């Protein structure tokens, strides 16, 4: 169940970040409440994943790293933000780092 909570936390955090972008510097007020709700849900689900016994280093590392990668990809698709080959390489490095953290937790 911890992994389901973590996956939900990641999706909620990314949704909150996309909503943050849509607030346009808090000028588009309609997106503020969804942004806050998504971030609140993300932290709640992250805390629930920790309650299941998932190590904080693993949970936070995966949450942050996968969130960064998904945010970069979605920002490219939704907002036409740049996604250069170096950024792509960084996403690959993030995935490698997450795998190392996860497998290291079980060593």
PDB file of N, CA and C in Angstrom:
ATOM      1  N   UNK A   1       0.822  -1.207   0.000  1.00  0.00           N
ATOM      2  CA  UNK A   1       0.000   0.000   0.000  1.00  0.00           C
ATOM      3  C   UNK A   1       0.858   1.260   0.000  1.00  0.00           C
ATOM      4  N   UNK A   2       2.060   1.159   0.585  1.00  0.00           N
ATOM      5  CA  UNK A   2       2.953   2.306   0.630  1.00  0.00           C
ATOM      6  C   UNK A   2       3.296   2.838  -0.747  1.00  0.00           C
ATOM      7  N   UNK A   3       3.481   1.919  -1.704  1.00  0.00           N
ATOM      8  CA  UNK A   3       3.817   2.339  -3.067  1.00  0.00           C
ATOM      9  C   UNK A   3       2.642   3.027  -3.736  1.00  0.00           C
ATOM     10  N   UNK A   4       1.434   2.591  -3.445  1.00  0.00           N
ATOM     11  CA  UNK A   4       0.252   3.249  -4.008  1.00  0.00           C
ATOM     12  C   UNK A   4       0.133   4.669  -3.469  1.00  0.00           C
ATOM     13  N   UNK A   5       0.371   4.830  -2.164  1.00  0.00           N
ATOM     14  CA  UNK A   5       0.360   6.175  -1.584  1.00  0.00           C
ATOM     15  C   UNK A   5       1.435   7.047  -2.235  1.00  0.00           C
ATOM     16  N   UNK A   6       2.614   6.479  -2.407  1.00  0.00           N
ATOM     17  CA  UNK A   6       3.713   7.253  -2.993  1.00  0.00           C
ATOM     18  C   UNK A   6       3.394   7.644  -4.427  1.00  0.00           C
ATOM     19  N   UNK A   7       2.848   6.725  -5.196  1.00  0.00           N
ATOM     20  CA  UNK A   7       2.481   7.029  -6.580  1.00  0.00           C
ATOM     21  C   UNK A   7       1.439   8.147  -6.616  1.00  0.00           C
ATOM     22  N   UNK A   8       0.447   8.068  -5.728  1.00  0.00           N
ATOM     23  CA  UNK A   8      -0.553   9.129  -5.644  1.00  0.00           C
ATOM     24  C   UNK A   8       0.054  10.465  -5.241  1.00  0.00           C
ATOM     25  N   UNK A   9       1.025  10.420  -4.319  1.00  0.00           N
ATOM     26  CA  UNK A   9       1.705  11.646  -3.892  1.00  0.00           C
ATOM     27  C   UNK A   9       2.444  12.287  -5.062  1.00  0.00           C
ATOM     28  N   UNK A  10       3.087  11.461  -5.861  1.00  0.00           N
ATOM     29  CA  UNK A  10       3.830  11.981  -7.019  1.00  0.00           C
ATOM     30  C   UNK A  10       2.869  12.639  -8.009  1.00  0.00           C
ATOM     31  N   UNK A  11       1.798  11.944  -8.340  1.00  0.00           N
ATOM     32  CA  UNK A  11       0.834  12.499  -9.302  1.00  0.00           C
ATOM     33  C   UNK A  11       0.198  13.780  -8.771  1.00  0.00           C
ATOM     34  N   UNK A  12      -0.106  13.807  -7.474  1.00  0.00           N
ATOM     35  CA  UNK A  12      -0.698  15.009  -6.883  1.00  0.00           C
ATOM     36  C   UNK A  12       0.271  16.180  -6.904  1.00  0.00           C
ATOM     37  N   UNK A  13       1.528  15.910  -6.597  1.00  0.00           N
ATOM     38  CA  UNK A  13       2.537  16.982  -6.591  1.00  0.00           C
ATOM     39  C   UNK A  13       2.727  17.546  -7.992  1.00  0.00           C
ATOM     40  N   UNK A  14       2.761  16.673  -8.984  1.00  0.00           N
ATOM     41  CA  UNK A  14       2.922  17.133 -10.366  1.00  0.00           C
ATOM     42  C   UNK A  14       1.681  17.931 -10.794  1.00  0.00           C
ATOM     43  N   UNK A  15       0.508  17.460 -10.418  1.00  0.00           N
ATOM     44  CA  UNK A  15      -0.720  18.206 -10.736  1.00  0.00           C
ATOM     45  C   UNK A  15      -0.691  19.580 -10.071  1.00  0.00           C
ATOM     46  N   UNK A  16      -0.227  19.635  -8.834  1.00  0.00           N
ATOM     47  CA  UNK A  16      -0.118  20.918  -8.146  1.00  0.00           C
ATOM     48  C   UNK A  16       0.841  21.858  -8.840  1.00  0.00           C
ATOM     49  N   UNK A  17       1.931  21.307  -9.334  1.00  0.00           N
ATOM     50  CA  UNK A  17       2.920  22.134 -10.032  1.00  0.00           C
ATOM     51  C   UNK A  17       2.373  22.638 -11.365  1.00  0.00           C
ATOM     52  N   UNK A  18       1.616  21.797 -12.060  1.00  0.00           N
ATOM     53  CA  UNK A  18       0.995  22.253 -13.307  1.00  0.00           C
ATOM     54  C   UNK A  18      -0.033  23.352 -13.008  1.00  0.00           C
ATOM     55  N   UNK A  19      -0.804  23.173 -11.936  1.00  0.00           N
ATOM     56  CA  UNK A  19      -1.773  24.205 -11.546  1.00  0.00           C
ATOM     57  C   UNK A  19      -1.052  25.487 -11.129  1.00  0.00           C
ATOM     58  N   UNK A  20       0.095  25.350 -10.465  1.00  0.00           N
ATOM     59  CA  UNK A  20       0.881  26.529 -10.090  1.00  0.00           C
ATOM     60  C   UNK A  20       1.263  27.320 -11.331  1.00  0.00           C
ATOM     61  N   UNK A  21       1.660  26.626 -12.368  1.00  0.00           N
ATOM     62  CA  UNK A  21       2.007  27.294 -13.623  1.00  0.00           C
ATOM     63  C   UNK A  21       0.789  28.013 -14.193  1.00  0.00           C
ATOM     64  N   UNK A  22      -0.363  27.360 -14.092  1.00  0.00           N
ATOM     65  CA  UNK A  22      -1.591  27.950 -14.640  1.00  0.00           C
ATOM     66  C   UNK A  22      -2.075  29.167 -13.861  1.00  0.00           C
ATOM     67  N   UNK A  23      -1.607  29.329 -12.612  1.00  0.00           N
ATOM     68  CA  UNK A  23      -2.017  30.518 -11.847  1.00  0.00           C
ATOM     69  C   UNK A  23      -1.434  31.796 -12.443  1.00  0.00           C
ATOM     70  N   UNK A  24      -0.406  31.667 -13.266  1.00  0.00           N
ATOM     71  CA  UNK A  24       0.215  32.823 -13.919  1.00  0.00           C
ATOM     72  C   UNK A  24       0.610  33.876 -12.884  1.00  0.00           C
ATOM     73  N   UNK A  25       1.423  33.414 -11.923  1.00  0.00           N
ATOM     74  CA  UNK A  25       1.871  34.335 -10.884  1.00  0.00           C
ATOM     75  C   UNK A  25       0.752  34.745  -9.947  1.00  0.00           C
ATOM     76  N   UNK A  26      -0.196  33.854  -9.727  1.00  0.00           N
ATOM     77  CA  UNK A  26      -1.362  34.056  -8.869  1.00  0.00           C
ATOM     78  C   UNK A  26      -2.341  35.087  -9.422  1.00  0.00           C
ATOM     79  N   UNK A  27      -2.239  35.375 -10.720  1.00  0.00           N
ATOM     80  CA  UNK A  27      -3.212  36.278 -11.344  1.00  0.00           C
ATOM     81  C   UNK A  27      -4.469  35.522 -11.765  1.00  0.00           C
ATOM     82  N   UNK A  28      -4.301  34.259 -12.176  1.00  0.00           N
ATOM     83  CA  UNK A  28      -5.452  33.429 -12.553  1.00  0.00           C
ATOM     84  C   UNK A  28      -5.914  32.698 -11.298  1.00  0.00           C
ATOM     85  N   UNK A  29      -6.734  33.374 -10.534  1.00  0.00           N
ATOM     86  CA  UNK A  29      -7.107  32.896  -9.200  1.00  0.00           C
ATOM     87  C   UNK A  29      -7.880  31.576  -9.207  1.00  0.00           C
ATOM     88  N   UNK A  30      -8.489  31.233 -10.317  1.00  0.00           N
ATOM     89  CA  UNK A  30      -9.260  30.007 -10.404  1.00  0.00           C
ATOM     90  C   UNK A  30      -8.382  28.771 -10.170  1.00  0.00           C
ATOM     91  N   UNK A  31      -7.082  28.865 -10.418  1.00  0.00           N
ATOM     92  CA  UNK A  31      -6.169  27.729 -10.267  1.00  0.00           C
ATOM     93  C   UNK A  31      -5.523  27.645  -8.891  1.00  0.00           C
ATOM     94  N   UNK A  32      -5.725  28.639  -8.043  1.00  0.00           N
ATOM     95  CA  UNK A  32      -5.068  28.635  -6.728  1.00  0.00           C
ATOM     96  C   UNK A  32      -5.617  27.521  -5.841  1.00  0.00           C
ATOM     97  N   UNK A  33      -6.912  27.378  -5.747  1.00  0.00           N
ATOM     98  CA  UNK A  33      -7.495  26.334  -4.888  1.00  0.00           C
ATOM     99  C   UNK A  33      -7.109  24.929  -5.357  1.00  0.00           C
ATOM    100  N   UNK A  34      -7.196  24.616  -6.674  1.00  0.00           N
ATOM    101  CA  UNK A  34      -6.742  23.291  -7.099  1.00  0.00           C
ATOM    102  C   UNK A  34      -5.264  23.045  -6.815  1.00  0.00           C
ATOM    103  N   UNK A  35      -4.444  24.088  -6.975  1.00  0.00           N
ATOM    104  CA  UNK A  35      -3.022  23.954  -6.689  1.00  0.00           C
ATOM    105  C   UNK A  35      -2.815  23.600  -5.218  1.00  0.00           C
ATOM    106  N   UNK A  36      -3.448  24.357  -4.328  1.00  0.00           N
ATOM    107  CA  UNK A  36      -3.293  24.107  -2.891  1.00  0.00           C
ATOM    108  C   UNK A  36      -3.818  22.727  -2.505  1.00  0.00           C
ATOM    109  N   UNK A  37      -4.957  22.344  -3.069  1.00  0.00           N
ATOM    110  CA  UNK A  37      -5.531  21.028  -2.777  1.00  0.00           C
ATOM    111  C   UNK A  37      -4.603  19.914  -3.239  1.00  0.00           C
ATOM    112  N   UNK A  38      -4.005  20.072  -4.416  1.00  0.00           N
ATOM    113  CA  UNK A  38      -3.103  19.041  -4.940  1.00  0.00           C
ATOM    114  C   UNK A  38      -1.851  18.917  -4.070  1.00  0.00           C
ATOM    115  N   UNK A  39      -1.293  20.031  -3.659  1.00  0.00           N
ATOM    116  CA  UNK A  39      -0.113  19.977  -2.790  1.00  0.00           C
ATOM    117  C   UNK A  39      -0.450  19.383  -1.424  1.00  0.00           C
ATOM    118  N   UNK A  40      -1.588  19.744  -0.866  1.00  0.00           N
ATOM    119  CA  UNK A  40      -2.009  19.172   0.410  1.00  0.00           C
ATOM    120  C   UNK A  40      -2.196  17.663   0.294  1.00  0.00           C
ATOM    121  N   UNK A  41      -2.826  17.228  -0.773  1.00  0.00           N
ATOM    122  CA  UNK A  41      -3.004  15.792  -1.010  1.00  0.00           C
ATOM    123  C   UNK A  41      -1.659  15.100  -1.188  1.00  0.00           C
ATOM    124  N   UNK A  42      -0.735  15.747  -1.901  1.00  0.00           N
ATOM    125  CA  UNK A  42       0.586  15.147  -2.119  1.00  0.00           C
ATOM    126  C   UNK A  42       1.309  14.906  -0.796  1.00  0.00           C
ATOM    127  N   UNK A  43       1.305  15.894   0.073  1.00  0.00           N
ATOM    128  CA  UNK A  43       1.994  15.722   1.350  1.00  0.00           C
ATOM    129  C   UNK A  43       1.271  14.721   2.252  1.00  0.00           C
ATOM    130  N   UNK A  44      -0.049  14.691   2.170  1.00  0.00           N
ATOM    131  CA  UNK A  44      -0.803  13.712   2.957  1.00  0.00           C
ATOM    132  C   UNK A  44      -0.470  12.292   2.502  1.00  0.00           C
ATOM    133  N   UNK A  45      -0.478  12.073   1.196  1.00  0.00           N
ATOM    134  CA  UNK A  45      -0.169  10.748   0.676  1.00  0.00           C
ATOM    135  C   UNK A  45       1.287  10.361   0.939  1.00  0.00           C
ATOM    136  N   UNK A  46       2.191  11.325   0.858  1.00  0.00           N
ATOM    137  CA  UNK A  46       3.588  11.035   1.178  1.00  0.00           C
ATOM    138  C   UNK A  46       3.712  10.603   2.631  1.00  0.00           C
ATOM    139  N   UNK A  47       3.017  11.286   3.518  1.00  0.00           N
ATOM    140  CA  UNK A  47       3.085  10.914   4.937  1.00  0.00           C
ATOM    141  C   UNK A  47       2.479   9.533   5.171  1.00  0.00           C
ATOM    142  N   UNK A  48       1.434   9.195   4.438  1.00  0.00           N
ATOM    143  CA  UNK A  48       0.846   7.867   4.562  1.00  0.00           C
ATOM    144  C   UNK A  48       1.797   6.782   4.059  1.00  0.00           C
ATOM    145  N   UNK A  49       2.549   7.093   3.006  1.00  0.00           N
ATOM    146  CA  UNK A  49       3.528   6.108   2.530  1.00  0.00           C
ATOM    147  C   UNK A  49       4.606   5.883   3.586  1.00  0.00           C
ATOM    148  N   UNK A  50       4.983   6.929   4.301  1.00  0.00           N
ATOM    149  CA  UNK A  50       5.969   6.780   5.372  1.00  0.00           C
ATOM    150  C   UNK A  50       5.398   5.976   6.532  1.00  0.00           C
ATOM    151  N   UNK A  51       4.117   6.154   6.786  1.00  0.00           N
ATOM    152  CA  UNK A  51       3.475   5.415   7.880  1.00  0.00           C
ATOM    153  C   UNK A  51       3.511   3.904   7.635  1.00  0.00           C
ATOM    154  N   UNK A  52       3.547   3.488   6.371  1.00  0.00           N
ATOM    155  CA  UNK A  52       3.581   2.060   6.068  1.00  0.00           C
ATOM    156  C   UNK A  52       4.956   1.448   6.329  1.00  0.00           C
ATOM    157  N   UNK A  53       5.921   2.277   6.688  1.00  0.00           N
ATOM    158  CA  UNK A  53       7.261   1.775   6.967  1.00  0.00           C
ATOM    159  C   UNK A  53       8.275   2.042   5.868  1.00  0.00           C
ATOM    160  N   UNK A  54       7.851   2.725   4.814  1.00  0.00           N
ATOM    161  CA  UNK A  54       8.789   3.046   3.747  1.00  0.00           C
ATOM    162  C   UNK A  54       9.842   4.006   4.296  1.00  0.00           C
ATOM    163  N   UNK A  55      11.131   3.738   4.052  1.00  0.00           N
ATOM    164  CA  UNK A  55      12.172   4.653   4.543  1.00  0.00           C
ATOM    165  C   UNK A  55      12.018   6.048   3.937  1.00  0.00           C
ATOM    166  N   UNK A  56      12.219   7.073   4.747  1.00  0.00           N
ATOM    167  CA  UNK A  56      12.017   8.442   4.295  1.00  0.00           C
ATOM    168  C   UNK A  56      12.961   8.794   3.145  1.00  0.00           C
ATOM    169  N   UNK A  57      14.182   8.290   3.166  1.00  0.00           N
ATOM    170  CA  UNK A  57      15.120   8.574   2.081  1.00  0.00           C
ATOM    171  C   UNK A  57      14.650   8.007   0.758  1.00  0.00           C
ATOM    172  N   UNK A  58      14.085   6.833   0.802  1.00  0.00           N
ATOM    173  CA  UNK A  58      13.556   6.202  -0.411  1.00  0.00           C
ATOM    174  C   UNK A  58      12.309   6.951  -0.884  1.00  0.00           C
ATOM    175  N   UNK A  59      11.364   7.155   0.023  1.00  0.00           N
ATOM    176  CA  UNK A  59      10.102   7.810  -0.354  1.00  0.00           C
ATOM    177  C   UNK A  59      10.346   9.215  -0.897  1.00  0.00           C
ATOM    178  N   UNK A  60      11.101  10.014  -0.172  1.00  0.00           N
ATOM    179  CA  UNK A  60      11.319  11.393  -0.598  1.00  0.00           C
ATOM    180  C   UNK A  60      12.150  11.439  -1.874  1.00  0.00           C
ATOM    181  N   UNK A  61      13.166  10.589  -1.961  1.00  0.00           N
ATOM    182  CA  UNK A  61      14.003  10.574  -3.158  1.00  0.00           C
ATOM    183  C   UNK A  61      13.214  10.248  -4.406  1.00  0.00           C
ATOM    184  N   UNK A  62      12.389   9.217  -4.309  1.00  0.00           N
ATOM    185  CA  UNK A  62      11.580   8.821  -5.456  1.00  0.00           C
ATOM    186  C   UNK A  62      10.532   9.888  -5.755  1.00  0.00           C
ATOM    187  N   UNK A  63       9.880  10.394  -4.710  1.00  0.00           N
ATOM    188  CA  UNK A  63       8.847  11.421  -4.882  1.00  0.00           C
ATOM    189  C   UNK A  63       9.428  12.652  -5.600  1.00  0.00           C
ATOM    190  N   UNK A  64      10.552  13.118  -5.121  1.00  0.00           N
ATOM    191  CA  UNK A  64      11.150  14.323  -5.706  1.00  0.00           C
ATOM    192  C   UNK A  64      11.670  14.066  -7.118  1.00  0.00           C
ATOM    193  N   UNK A  65      12.393  12.969  -7.297  1.00  0.00           N
ATOM    194  CA  UNK A  65      13.029  12.702  -8.585  1.00  0.00           C
ATOM    195  C   UNK A  65      12.004  12.423  -9.685  1.00  0.00           C
ATOM    196  N   UNK A  66      11.056  11.563  -9.401  1.00  0.00           N
ATOM    197  CA  UNK A  66      10.045  11.250 -10.409  1.00  0.00           C
ATOM    198  C   UNK A  66       9.172  12.482 -10.670  1.00  0.00           C
ATOM    199  N   UNK A  67       8.918  13.256  -9.616  1.00  0.00           N
ATOM    200  CA  UNK A  67       8.157  14.491  -9.798  1.00  0.00           C
ATOM    201  C   UNK A  67       8.851  15.465 -10.733  1.00  0.00           C
ATOM    202  N   UNK A  68      10.156  15.605 -10.574  1.00  0.00           N
ATOM    203  CA  UNK A  68      10.926  16.499 -11.453  1.00  0.00           C
ATOM    204  C   UNK A  68      10.851  16.014 -12.896  1.00  0.00           C
ATOM    205  N   UNK A  69      11.050  14.720 -13.094  1.00  0.00           N
ATOM    206  CA  UNK A  69      11.035  14.175 -14.452  1.00  0.00           C
ATOM    207  C   UNK A  69       9.661  14.332 -15.097  1.00  0.00           C
ATOM    208  N   UNK A  70       8.604  13.970 -14.380  1.00  0.00           N
ATOM    209  CA  UNK A  70       7.255  14.106 -14.938  1.00  0.00           C
ATOM    210  C   UNK A  70       6.887  15.564 -15.192  1.00  0.00           C
ATOM    211  N   UNK A  71       7.299  16.440 -14.286  1.00  0.00           N
ATOM    212  CA  UNK A  71       7.010  17.861 -14.466  1.00  0.00           C
ATOM    213  C   UNK A  71       7.681  18.395 -15.722  1.00  0.00           C
ATOM    214  N   UNK A  72       8.918  18.032 -15.949  1.00  0.00           N
ATOM    215  CA  UNK A  72       9.630  18.492 -17.149  1.00  0.00           C
ATOM    216  C   UNK A  72       8.942  17.990 -18.417  1.00  0.00           C
ATOM    217  N   UNK A  73       8.533  16.732 -18.411  1.00  0.00           N
ATOM    218  CA  UNK A  73       7.879  16.168 -19.594  1.00  0.00           C
ATOM    219  C   UNK A  73       6.510  16.797 -19.834  1.00  0.00           C
ATOM    220  N   UNK A  74       5.723  16.938 -18.777  1.00  0.00           N
ATOM    221  CA  UNK A  74       4.403  17.550 -18.931  1.00  0.00           C
ATOM    222  C   UNK A  74       4.487  19.024 -19.310  1.00  0.00           C
ATOM    223  N   UNK A  75       5.454  19.732 -18.745  1.00  0.00           N
ATOM    224  CA  UNK A  75       5.619  21.150 -19.091  1.00  0.00           C
ATOM    225  C   UNK A  75       5.956  21.299 -20.570  1.00  0.00           C
ATOM    226  N   UNK A  76       6.701  20.359 -21.103  1.00  0.00           N
ATOM    227  CA  UNK A  76       7.015  20.380 -22.529  1.00  0.00           C
ATOM    228  C   UNK A  76       5.739  20.185 -23.352  1.00  0.00           C
ATOM    229  N   UNK A  77       4.932  19.203 -22.943  1.00  0.00           N
ATOM    230  CA  UNK A  77       3.719  18.885 -23.692  1.00  0.00           C
ATOM    231  C   UNK A  77       2.640  19.960 -23.555  1.00  0.00           C
ATOM    232  N   UNK A  78       2.449  20.450 -22.344  1.00  0.00           N
ATOM    233  CA  UNK A  78       1.348  21.378 -22.092  1.00  0.00           C
ATOM    234  C   UNK A  78       1.680  22.839 -22.352  1.00  0.00           C
ATOM    235  N   UNK A  79       2.921  23.215 -22.049  1.00  0.00           N
ATOM    236  CA  UNK A  79       3.283  24.630 -22.099  1.00  0.00           C
ATOM    237  C   UNK A  79       4.378  24.948 -23.110  1.00  0.00           C
ATOM    238  N   UNK A  80       4.820  23.930 -23.836  1.00  0.00           N
ATOM    239  CA  UNK A  80       5.902  24.104 -24.823  1.00  0.00           C
ATOM    240  C   UNK A  80       7.198  24.596 -24.177  1.00  0.00           C
ATOM    241  N   UNK A  81       7.400  24.227 -22.901  1.00  0.00           N
ATOM    242  CA  UNK A  81       8.664  24.552 -22.238  1.00  0.00           C
ATOM    243  C   UNK A  81       9.796  23.810 -22.936  1.00  0.00           C
ATOM    244  N   UNK A  82      11.010  24.328 -22.857  1.00  0.00           N
ATOM    245  CA  UNK A  82      12.123  23.638 -23.507  1.00  0.00           C
ATOM    246  C   UNK A  82      12.400  22.280 -22.859  1.00  0.00           C
ATOM    247  N   UNK A  83      12.810  21.339 -23.683  1.00  0.00           N
ATOM    248  CA  UNK A  83      13.274  20.036 -23.213  1.00  0.00           C
ATOM    249  C   UNK A  83      14.433  19.638 -24.114  1.00  0.00           C
ATOM    250  N   UNK A  84      15.620  20.039 -23.705  1.00  0.00           N
ATOM    251  CA  UNK A  84      16.812  19.812 -24.514  1.00  0.00           C
ATOM    252  C   UNK A  84      17.359  18.416 -24.265  1.00  0.00           C
ATOM    253  N   UNK A  85      18.345  18.038 -25.061  1.00  0.00           N
ATOM    254  CA  UNK A  85      18.954  16.723 -24.879  1.00  0.00           C
ATOM    255  C   UNK A  85      19.653  16.642 -23.525  1.00  0.00           C
ATOM    256  N   UNK A  86      20.196  17.734 -23.057  1.00  0.00           N
ATOM    257  CA  UNK A  86      20.824  17.730 -21.732  1.00  0.00           C
ATOM    258  C   UNK A  86      19.783  17.497 -20.633  1.00  0.00           C
ATOM    259  N   UNK A  87      18.630  18.113 -20.803  1.00  0.00           N
ATOM    260  CA  UNK A  87      17.561  17.884 -19.833  1.00  0.00           C
ATOM    261  C   UNK A  87      17.104  16.425 -19.883  1.00  0.00           C
ATOM    262  N   UNK A  88      17.016  15.875 -21.082  1.00  0.00           N
ATOM    263  CA  UNK A  88      16.676  14.459 -21.236  1.00  0.00           C
ATOM    264  C   UNK A  88      17.702  13.562 -20.569  1.00  0.00           C
ATOM    265  N   UNK A  89      18.960  13.924 -20.716  1.00  0.00           N
ATOM    266  CA  UNK A  89      20.024  13.183 -20.047  1.00  0.00           C
ATOM    267  C   UNK A  89      19.884  13.286 -18.536  1.00  0.00           C
ATOM    268  N   UNK A  90      19.492  14.446 -18.066  1.00  0.00           N
ATOM    269  CA  UNK A  90      19.250  14.622 -16.635  1.00  0.00           C
ATOM    270  C   UNK A  90      18.112  13.746 -16.140  1.00  0.00           C
ATOM    271  N   UNK A  91      17.066  13.612 -16.940  1.00  0.00           N
ATOM    272  CA  UNK A  91      15.949  12.742 -16.572  1.00  0.00           C
ATOM    273  C   UNK A  91      16.411  11.294 -16.501  1.00  0.00           C
ATOM    274  N   UNK A  92      17.236  10.881 -17.444  1.00  0.00           N
ATOM    275  CA  UNK A  92      17.795   9.525 -17.405  1.00  0.00           C
ATOM    276  C   UNK A  92      18.646   9.342 -16.151  1.00  0.00           C
ATOM    277  N   UNK A  93      19.434  10.352 -15.806  1.00  0.00           N
ATOM    278  CA  UNK A  93      20.253  10.277 -14.584  1.00  0.00           C
ATOM    279  C   UNK A  93      19.370  10.191 -13.338  1.00  0.00           C
ATOM    280  N   UNK A  94      18.262  10.922 -13.346  1.00  0.00           N
ATOM    281  CA  UNK A  94      17.321  10.862 -12.221  1.00  0.00           C
ATOM    282  C   UNK A  94      16.782   9.440 -12.073  1.00  0.00           C
ATOM    283  N   UNK A  95      16.372   8.845 -13.174  1.00  0.00           N
ATOM    284  CA  UNK A  95      15.851   7.479 -13.127  1.00  0.00           C
ATOM    285  C   UNK A  95      16.907   6.525 -12.580  1.00  0.00           C
ATOM    286  N   UNK A  96      18.154   6.689 -13.047  1.00  0.00           N
ATOM    287  CA  UNK A  96      19.244   5.857 -12.538  1.00  0.00           C
ATOM    288  C   UNK A  96      19.466   6.074 -11.054  1.00  0.00           C
ATOM    289  N   UNK A  97      19.395   7.304 -10.614  1.00  0.00           N
ATOM    290  CA  UNK A  97      19.576   7.611  -9.199  1.00  0.00           C
ATOM    291  C   UNK A  97      18.471   7.015  -8.343  1.00  0.00           C
ATOM    292  N   UNK A  98      17.244   7.099  -8.825  1.00  0.00           N
ATOM    293  CA  UNK A  98      16.119   6.512  -8.094  1.00  0.00           C
ATOM    294  C   UNK A  98      16.302   5.001  -7.975  1.00  0.00           C
ATOM    295  N   UNK A  99      16.723   4.374  -9.047  1.00  0.00           N
ATOM    296  CA  UNK A  99      16.952   2.924  -8.999  1.00  0.00           C
ATOM    297  C   UNK A  99      18.056   2.577  -8.003  1.00  0.00           C
ATOM    298  N   UNK A 100      19.102   3.369  -7.969  1.00  0.00           N
ATOM    299  CA  UNK A 100      20.182   3.119  -7.006  1.00  0.00           C
ATOM    300  C   UNK A 100      19.717   3.298  -5.568  1.00  0.00           C
ATOM    301  N   UNK A 101      18.932   4.330  -5.320  1.00  0.00           N
ATOM    302  CA  UNK A 101      18.417   4.557  -3.970  1.00  0.00           C
ATOM    303  C   UNK A 101      17.504   3.402  -3.550  1.00  0.00           C
ATOM    304  N   UNK A 102      16.624   2.994  -4.440  1.00  0.00           N
ATOM    305  CA  UNK A 102      15.683   1.931  -4.112  1.00  0.00           C
ATOM    306  C   UNK A 102      16.412   0.597  -3.885  1.00  0.00           C
ATOM    307  N   UNK A 103      17.306   0.230  -4.772  1.00  0.00           N
ATOM    308  CA  UNK A 103      18.014  -1.037  -4.595  1.00  0.00           C
ATOM    309  C   UNK A 103      18.982  -0.986  -3.427  1.00  0.00           C
ATOM    310  N   UNK A 104      19.526   0.194  -3.155  1.00  0.00           N
ATOM    311  CA  UNK A 104      20.422   0.347  -2.001  1.00  0.00           C
ATOM    312  C   UNK A 104      19.697   0.179  -0.682  1.00  0.00           C
ATOM    313  N   UNK A 105      18.410   0.496  -0.654  1.00  0.00           N
ATOM    314  CA  UNK A 105      17.637   0.355   0.563  1.00  0.00           C
ATOM    315  C   UNK A 105      17.408  -1.106   0.925  1.00  0.00           C
ATOM    316  N   UNK A 106      17.570  -1.976  -0.052  1.00  0.00           N
ATOM    317  CA  UNK A 106      17.333  -3.402   0.176  1.00  0.00           C
ATOM    318  C   UNK A 106      18.624  -4.197   0.220  1.00  0.00           C
ATOM    319  N   UNK A 107      19.756  -3.513   0.220  1.00  0.00           N
ATOM    320  CA  UNK A 107      21.050  -4.221   0.204  1.00  0.00           C
ATOM    321  C   UNK A 107      21.431  -4.718   1.590  1.00  0.00           C
TER     322      UNK A 107
END
